[in-house]
C-alpha atoms as a PDB file:
ATOM      1  CA  MET A   1      54.121  -3.812   9.629  1.00  0.00           C
ATOM      2  CA  SER A   2      51.427  -4.498  11.977  1.00  0.00           C
ATOM      3  CA  THR A   3      48.371  -6.148  11.222  1.00  0.00           C
ATOM      4  CA  GLU A   4      45.122  -5.549  13.378  1.00  0.00           C
ATOM      5  CA  THR A   5      41.557  -7.407  12.322  1.00  0.00           C
ATOM      6  CA  ALA A   6      38.182  -7.305  12.931  1.00  0.00           C
ATOM      7  CA  THR A   7      35.092  -8.985  12.057  1.00  0.00           C
ATOM      8  CA  THR A   8      31.189  -8.555  12.049  1.00  0.00           C
ATOM      9  CA  VAL A   9      27.721  -9.827   9.930  1.00  0.00           C
ATOM     10  CA  VAL A  10      26.155  -7.813   8.149  1.00  0.00           C
ATOM     11  CA  GLN A  11      22.215  -8.226   6.859  1.00  0.00           C
ATOM     12  CA  ALA A  12      23.018  -8.069   2.917  1.00  0.00           C
ATOM     13  CA  GLU A  13      23.866 -10.522   0.422  1.00  0.00           C
ATOM     14  CA  PRO A  14      27.539 -10.330  -0.608  1.00  0.00           C
ATOM     15  CA  ALA A  15      27.831  -7.714  -3.819  1.00  0.00           C
ATOM     16  CA  GLU A  16      25.659  -5.150  -1.424  1.00  0.00           C
ATOM     17  CA  THR A  17      27.818  -5.669   1.410  1.00  0.00           C
ATOM     18  CA  PHE A  18      30.979  -5.272  -1.356  1.00  0.00           C
ATOM     19  CA  SER A  19      29.355  -2.102  -2.840  1.00  0.00           C
ATOM     20  CA  ALA A  20      28.316  -0.686   0.554  1.00  0.00           C
ATOM     21  CA  VAL A  21      32.203  -1.226   1.552  1.00  0.00           C
ATOM     22  CA  LEU A  22      33.266   0.710  -1.709  1.00  0.00           C
ATOM     23  CA  GLY A  23      31.340   3.267  -0.603  1.00  0.00           C
ATOM     24  CA  LEU A  24      32.476   3.549   2.343  1.00  0.00           C
ATOM     25  CA  ALA A  25      35.817   3.547   1.744  1.00  0.00           C
ATOM     26  CA  ALA A  26      35.484   6.778  -0.454  1.00  0.00           C
ATOM     27  CA  ALA A  27      33.413   8.868   1.838  1.00  0.00           C
ATOM     28  CA  MET A  28      35.783   7.901   4.924  1.00  0.00           C
ATOM     29  CA  TRP A  29      39.007   8.090   3.629  1.00  0.00           C
ATOM     30  CA  SER A  30      38.287   9.533  -0.531  1.00  0.00           C
ATOM     31  CA  VAL A  31      39.349   6.217  -1.967  1.00  0.00           C
ATOM     32  CA  ASP A  32      39.411   6.058  -5.595  1.00  0.00           C
ATOM     33  CA  ASP A  33      40.032   3.671  -8.509  1.00  0.00           C
ATOM     34  CA  GLY A  34      43.877   5.338  -7.814  1.00  0.00           C
ATOM     35  CA  ASP A  35      44.188   3.719  -4.533  1.00  0.00           C
ATOM     36  CA  VAL A  36      42.975  -0.002  -4.962  1.00  0.00           C
ATOM     37  CA  ILE A  37      45.781  -2.728  -4.499  1.00  0.00           C
ATOM     38  CA  ASP A  38      43.799  -5.497  -5.598  1.00  0.00           C
ATOM     39  CA  ALA A  39      40.084  -6.519  -6.288  1.00  0.00           C
ATOM     40  CA  ASP A  40      38.046  -9.184  -6.260  1.00  0.00           C
ATOM     41  CA  PRO A  41      34.669  -8.340  -6.253  1.00  0.00           C
ATOM     42  CA  PRO A  42      32.568  -9.283  -4.160  1.00  0.00           C
ATOM     43  CA  ARG A  43      35.046 -10.987  -2.374  1.00  0.00           C
ATOM     44  CA  THR A  44      37.917  -8.605  -1.689  1.00  0.00           C
ATOM     45  CA  LEU A  45      39.347  -5.228  -1.773  1.00  0.00           C
ATOM     46  CA  THR A  46      42.473  -4.046  -0.185  1.00  0.00           C
ATOM     47  CA  HIS A  47      43.088  -0.332  -0.903  1.00  0.00           C
ATOM     48  CA  ARG A  48      45.714   2.124   0.915  1.00  0.00           C
ATOM     49  CA  VAL A  49      44.495   4.998   2.587  1.00  0.00           C
ATOM     50  CA  ARG A  50      46.590   8.448   2.647  1.00  0.00           C
ATOM     51  CA  LEU A  51      47.393  10.551   5.027  1.00  0.00           C
ATOM     52  CA  ASP A  52      48.674  14.018   3.441  1.00  0.00           C
ATOM     53  CA  GLY A  53      49.628  12.441   0.326  1.00  0.00           C
ATOM     54  CA  GLU A  54      51.553   9.793   2.166  1.00  0.00           C
ATOM     55  CA  THR A  55      50.633   6.043   2.237  1.00  0.00           C
ATOM     56  CA  ALA A  56      49.448   5.772   5.755  1.00  0.00           C
ATOM     57  CA  CYS A  57      47.951   1.738   5.966  1.00  0.00           C
ATOM     58  CA  TRP A  58      46.376  -0.643   4.051  1.00  0.00           C
ATOM     59  CA  LEU A  59      42.946  -2.164   4.683  1.00  0.00           C
ATOM     60  CA  THR A  60      41.388  -5.284   3.190  1.00  0.00           C
ATOM     61  CA  TRP A  61      37.913  -6.506   3.172  1.00  0.00           C
ATOM     62  CA  THR A  62      37.379 -10.208   3.234  1.00  0.00           C
ATOM     63  CA  VAL A  63      33.645 -10.895   2.363  1.00  0.00           C
ATOM     64  CA  THR A  64      32.285 -13.906   2.744  1.00  0.00           C
ATOM     65  CA  PRO A  65      28.468 -15.099   2.654  1.00  0.00           C
ATOM     66  CA  ARG A  66      26.855 -17.583   5.039  1.00  0.00           C
ATOM     67  CA  GLY A  67      23.760 -18.437   2.999  1.00  0.00           C
ATOM     68  CA  ASP A  68      21.135 -17.466   5.139  1.00  0.00           C
ATOM     69  CA  GLY A  69      20.689 -13.441   3.644  1.00  0.00           C
ATOM     70  CA  THR A  70      23.387 -12.611   5.980  1.00  0.00           C
ATOM     71  CA  THR A  71      27.547 -11.743   4.926  1.00  0.00           C
ATOM     72  CA  TYR A  72      30.934 -11.993   6.758  1.00  0.00           C
ATOM     73  CA  VAL A  73      33.235  -9.413   6.371  1.00  0.00           C
ATOM     74  CA  ARG A  74      36.534  -9.178   7.802  1.00  0.00           C
ATOM     75  CA  LEU A  75      38.451  -6.089   8.099  1.00  0.00           C
ATOM     76  CA  ALA A  76      42.269  -6.035   8.306  1.00  0.00           C
ATOM     77  CA  HIS A  77      44.386  -2.529   8.385  1.00  0.00           C
ATOM     78  CA  ASP A  78      48.134  -3.308   7.743  1.00  0.00           C
ATOM     79  CA  GLU A  79      49.958  -0.056   9.208  1.00  0.00           C
ATOM     80  CA  ALA A  80      52.708   1.273   7.420  1.00  0.00           C
ATOM     81  CA  ASP A  81      54.507   3.198  10.431  1.00  0.00           C
ATOM     82  CA  LEU A  82      55.453   1.043  13.144  1.00  0.00           C
ATOM     83  CA  ARG A  83      56.066   3.872  15.126  1.00  0.00           C
ATOM     84  CA  PRO A  84      54.013   3.453  18.803  1.00  0.00           C
ATOM     85  CA  GLY A  85      50.362   4.911  18.568  1.00  0.00           C
ATOM     86  CA  PRO A  86      46.517   4.197  19.020  1.00  0.00           C
ATOM     87  CA  PRO A  87      44.860   1.179  17.535  1.00  0.00           C
ATOM     88  CA  PRO A  88      42.860   1.452  14.199  1.00  0.00           C
ATOM     89  CA  GLU A  89      39.335   1.515  15.714  1.00  0.00           C
ATOM     90  CA  LEU A  90      38.371  -0.855  13.190  1.00  0.00           C
ATOM     91  CA  ASP A  91      34.731  -1.703  15.197  1.00  0.00           C
ATOM     92  CA  VAL A  92      33.588   1.717  14.592  1.00  0.00           C
ATOM     93  CA  VAL A  93      34.520   1.035  10.867  1.00  0.00           C
ATOM     94  CA  LEU A  94      32.656  -1.916  10.485  1.00  0.00           C
ATOM     95  CA  ALA A  95      29.890  -0.396  12.879  1.00  0.00           C
ATOM     96  CA  ALA A  96      29.571   2.512   9.612  1.00  0.00           C
ATOM     97  CA  LEU A  97      29.534  -0.383   7.257  1.00  0.00           C
ATOM     98  CA  ALA A  98      26.555  -1.720   8.844  1.00  0.00           C
ATOM     99  CA  GLY A  99      24.777   1.614   9.310  1.00  0.00           C
ATOM    100  CA  SER A 100      24.741   2.406   5.759  1.00  0.00           C
ATOM    101  CA  ILE A 101      23.677  -1.046   4.489  1.00  0.00           C
ATOM    102  CA  ARG A 102      21.106  -0.258   6.951  1.00  0.00           C
ATOM    103  CA  GLU A 103      20.141   2.752   5.692  1.00  0.00           C
ATOM    104  CA  ALA A 104      20.465   1.327   1.748  1.00  0.00           C
ATOM    105  CA  SER A 105      17.861  -1.570   3.179  1.00  0.00           C
ATOM    106  CA  ILE A 106      15.472   1.433   4.207  1.00  0.00           C
ATOM    107  CA  GLY A 107      16.166   3.729   1.796  1.00  0.00           C
END
């Protein structure tokens, strides 16, 4: 198994961030309750991502409050397939998370 990680800070409290993580996972990968491996809201979430019905990878989100109205988010990607391939675009996923939080605060 190989692991890649990325981090960001978002302008939201942990509970709001965790909710946004759940929404993003559902929207991007159709994650539902059956895909959740472990959850400790609002601190951590691990879920699988399926491709053609098979588990392609696992994503672990770690949400840590910073105390100033912002939250630190660490995203770890554990790859199930060790064949060479492109690295996961975790920064793109974290940017989508930050964007969904911004949209929620405006709307």
